[in-house]
C-alpha atoms as a PDB file:
ATOM      1  CA  MET A   1     101.328 119.251-186.537  1.00  0.00           C
ATOM      2  CA  GLY A   2     102.579 117.658-183.353  1.00  0.00           C
ATOM      3  CA  ILE A   3     102.985 118.930-179.806  1.00  0.00           C
ATOM      4  CA  SER A   4     104.842 122.105-178.887  1.00  0.00           C
ATOM      5  CA  THR A   5     105.286 124.262-175.805  1.00  0.00           C
ATOM      6  CA  HIS A   6     106.870 127.418-174.519  1.00  0.00           C
ATOM      7  CA  ILE A   7     107.390 128.992-171.094  1.00  0.00           C
ATOM      8  CA  LEU A   8     106.987 132.635-170.155  1.00  0.00           C
ATOM      9  CA  ASP A   9     108.334 133.719-166.767  1.00  0.00           C
ATOM     10  CA  THR A  10     105.590 136.208-165.871  1.00  0.00           C
ATOM     11  CA  THR A  11     107.572 137.694-162.970  1.00  0.00           C
ATOM     12  CA  ARG A  12     110.425 138.710-165.229  1.00  0.00           C
ATOM     13  CA  GLY A  13     108.297 139.266-168.330  1.00  0.00           C
ATOM     14  CA  ARG A  14     110.699 137.102-170.328  1.00  0.00           C
ATOM     15  CA  PRO A  15     110.914 133.622-171.791  1.00  0.00           C
ATOM     16  CA  ALA A  16     112.206 130.957-169.390  1.00  0.00           C
ATOM     17  CA  VAL A  17     115.488 129.770-170.914  1.00  0.00           C
ATOM     18  CA  GLY A  18     117.216 126.466-170.158  1.00  0.00           C
ATOM     19  CA  VAL A  19     114.273 124.520-168.704  1.00  0.00           C
ATOM     20  CA  THR A  20     114.223 120.775-169.376  1.00  0.00           C
ATOM     21  CA  VAL A  21     110.838 119.643-170.715  1.00  0.00           C
ATOM     22  CA  THR A  22     109.825 115.982-170.963  1.00  0.00           C
ATOM     23  CA  LEU A  23     106.850 114.707-172.976  1.00  0.00           C
ATOM     24  CA  GLU A  24     105.353 111.350-171.988  1.00  0.00           C
ATOM     25  CA  ARG A  25     102.439 109.250-173.214  1.00  0.00           C
ATOM     26  CA  LEU A  26     100.175 107.172-170.965  1.00  0.00           C
ATOM     27  CA  GLY A  27     100.077 103.473-171.803  1.00  0.00           C
ATOM     28  CA  GLU A  28      99.087 100.268-170.058  1.00  0.00           C
ATOM     29  CA  GLY A  29     102.157 100.315-167.794  1.00  0.00           C
ATOM     30  CA  GLY A  30     102.053 104.036-166.982  1.00  0.00           C
ATOM     31  CA  TYR A  31     103.775 106.963-168.654  1.00  0.00           C
ATOM     32  CA  THR A  32     106.506 106.360-171.230  1.00  0.00           C
ATOM     33  CA  PRO A  33     108.898 109.112-172.411  1.00  0.00           C
ATOM     34  CA  VAL A  34     108.273 110.276-175.976  1.00  0.00           C
ATOM     35  CA  ALA A  35     110.566 113.305-176.277  1.00  0.00           C
ATOM     36  CA  GLN A  36     112.695 115.692-174.255  1.00  0.00           C
ATOM     37  CA  GLY A  37     114.191 119.086-174.912  1.00  0.00           C
ATOM     38  CA  ILE A  38     115.469 122.285-173.329  1.00  0.00           C
ATOM     39  CA  THR A  39     113.842 125.672-173.799  1.00  0.00           C
ATOM     40  CA  ASP A  40     115.743 128.029-176.096  1.00  0.00           C
ATOM     41  CA  THR A  41     116.216 131.808-175.851  1.00  0.00           C
ATOM     42  CA  ASP A  42     112.566 132.256-176.838  1.00  0.00           C
ATOM     43  CA  GLY A  43     111.397 129.839-174.113  1.00  0.00           C
ATOM     44  CA  ARG A  44     110.409 127.267-176.744  1.00  0.00           C
ATOM     45  CA  VAL A  45     111.274 123.631-177.310  1.00  0.00           C
ATOM     46  CA  LYS A  46     111.309 123.404-181.067  1.00  0.00           C
ATOM     47  CA  GLY A  47     110.581 119.993-182.509  1.00  0.00           C
ATOM     48  CA  LEU A  48     109.378 118.438-179.256  1.00  0.00           C
ATOM     49  CA  LEU A  49     106.995 116.231-181.226  1.00  0.00           C
ATOM     50  CA  VAL A  50     106.839 117.053-184.924  1.00  0.00           C
ATOM     51  CA  ASP A  51     104.571 114.216-186.062  1.00  0.00           C
ATOM     52  CA  SER A  52     100.840 114.274-185.426  1.00  0.00           C
ATOM     53  CA  PRO A  53     100.174 112.403-182.163  1.00  0.00           C
ATOM     54  CA  ALA A  54      97.709 109.529-182.012  1.00  0.00           C
ATOM     55  CA  PRO A  55      94.799 110.109-179.623  1.00  0.00           C
ATOM     56  CA  GLY A  56      95.649 109.449-175.999  1.00  0.00           C
ATOM     57  CA  GLN A  57      96.747 111.046-172.740  1.00  0.00           C
ATOM     58  CA  PHE A  58     100.044 112.926-172.536  1.00  0.00           C
ATOM     59  CA  ARG A  59     102.042 114.601-169.770  1.00  0.00           C
ATOM     60  CA  LEU A  60     104.476 117.489-170.058  1.00  0.00           C
ATOM     61  CA  THR A  61     106.915 117.826-167.157  1.00  0.00           C
ATOM     62  CA  PHE A  62     108.792 121.103-166.763  1.00  0.00           C
ATOM     63  CA  ALA A  63     111.856 120.995-164.454  1.00  0.00           C
ATOM     64  CA  VAL A  64     111.386 124.552-163.178  1.00  0.00           C
ATOM     65  CA  GLY A  65     113.171 124.154-159.826  1.00  0.00           C
ATOM     66  CA  ALA A  66     116.603 124.201-161.456  1.00  0.00           C
ATOM     67  CA  TYR A  67     115.572 127.238-163.541  1.00  0.00           C
ATOM     68  CA  PHE A  68     114.664 129.312-160.477  1.00  0.00           C
ATOM     69  CA  GLU A  69     117.669 128.046-158.538  1.00  0.00           C
ATOM     70  CA  ALA A  70     119.981 129.235-161.330  1.00  0.00           C
ATOM     71  CA  LEU A  71     118.362 132.672-161.051  1.00  0.00           C
ATOM     72  CA  GLY A  72     118.828 132.699-157.265  1.00  0.00           C
ATOM     73  CA  VAL A  73     115.058 132.867-156.789  1.00  0.00           C
ATOM     74  CA  GLU A  74     113.177 130.961-154.098  1.00  0.00           C
ATOM     75  CA  ALA A  75     110.345 128.966-155.677  1.00  0.00           C
ATOM     76  CA  PHE A  76     107.586 126.673-154.449  1.00  0.00           C
ATOM     77  CA  TYR A  77     107.337 124.138-157.294  1.00  0.00           C
ATOM     78  CA  PRO A  78     110.338 121.941-158.224  1.00  0.00           C
ATOM     79  CA  GLU A  79     108.454 120.807-161.317  1.00  0.00           C
ATOM     80  CA  VAL A  80     105.200 121.451-163.139  1.00  0.00           C
ATOM     81  CA  ASN A  81     103.199 118.616-164.686  1.00  0.00           C
ATOM     82  CA  ILE A  82     100.515 119.273-167.279  1.00  0.00           C
ATOM     83  CA  VAL A  83      98.375 116.312-168.273  1.00  0.00           C
ATOM     84  CA  PHE A  84      96.224 116.687-171.385  1.00  0.00           C
ATOM     85  CA  SER A  85      94.233 114.615-173.852  1.00  0.00           C
ATOM     86  CA  VAL A  86      94.782 114.390-177.580  1.00  0.00           C
ATOM     87  CA  ARG A  87      91.398 113.624-179.090  1.00  0.00           C
ATOM     88  CA  GLY A  88      91.880 114.084-182.798  1.00  0.00           C
ATOM     89  CA  ALA A  89      94.803 112.969-184.917  1.00  0.00           C
ATOM     90  CA  GLY A  90      96.085 115.482-187.438  1.00  0.00           C
ATOM     91  CA  GLU A  91      95.840 118.475-185.093  1.00  0.00           C
ATOM     92  CA  HIS A  92      98.559 120.625-183.571  1.00  0.00           C
ATOM     93  CA  TYR A  93      98.644 120.835-179.775  1.00  0.00           C
ATOM     94  CA  HIS A  94     100.451 123.842-178.296  1.00  0.00           C
ATOM     95  CA  VAL A  95     100.596 123.827-174.487  1.00  0.00           C
ATOM     96  CA  PRO A  96     102.169 127.031-173.084  1.00  0.00           C
ATOM     97  CA  LEU A  97     103.214 127.494-169.460  1.00  0.00           C
ATOM     98  CA  LEU A  98     102.915 130.887-167.763  1.00  0.00           C
ATOM     99  CA  LEU A  99     105.227 130.635-164.761  1.00  0.00           C
ATOM    100  CA  ASN A 100     106.209 132.519-161.616  1.00  0.00           C
ATOM    101  CA  PRO A 101     107.986 131.305-158.460  1.00  0.00           C
ATOM    102  CA  PHE A 102     104.757 130.590-156.579  1.00  0.00           C
ATOM    103  CA  GLY A 103     102.242 129.770-159.300  1.00  0.00           C
ATOM    104  CA  PHE A 104     101.587 128.794-162.866  1.00  0.00           C
ATOM    105  CA  SER A 105      98.868 128.747-165.494  1.00  0.00           C
ATOM    106  CA  THR A 106      98.401 126.974-168.790  1.00  0.00           C
ATOM    107  CA  TYR A 107      95.981 126.808-171.708  1.00  0.00           C
ATOM    108  CA  ARG A 108      95.664 125.185-175.101  1.00  0.00           C
ATOM    109  CA  GLY A 109      97.317 127.532-177.528  1.00  0.00           C
ATOM    110  CA  SER A 110      97.452 127.535-181.297  1.00  0.00           C
END
């Protein structure tokens, strides 16, 4: 249960290691941080949100600018934001990021 993510650098064909990922939840006053982590050697943030989330709107922010800068690669996006809705409690939400220096894609995984 919970919310998890991983990042695959599609240019290199490898997991994106060392990327800071922040999970936030939308409330009356805007977004509030819920959890934060750094991608491991598999490009995953284990235990980002272990408990089943209550329904609502969430945002994942990936600090990818620093990742590409560390690789010495010019990139267009300093960060990637993915906003998604949790509709049913008790489900697992996996939100992967497929990344390259000038684009990205995402989907609801399993």
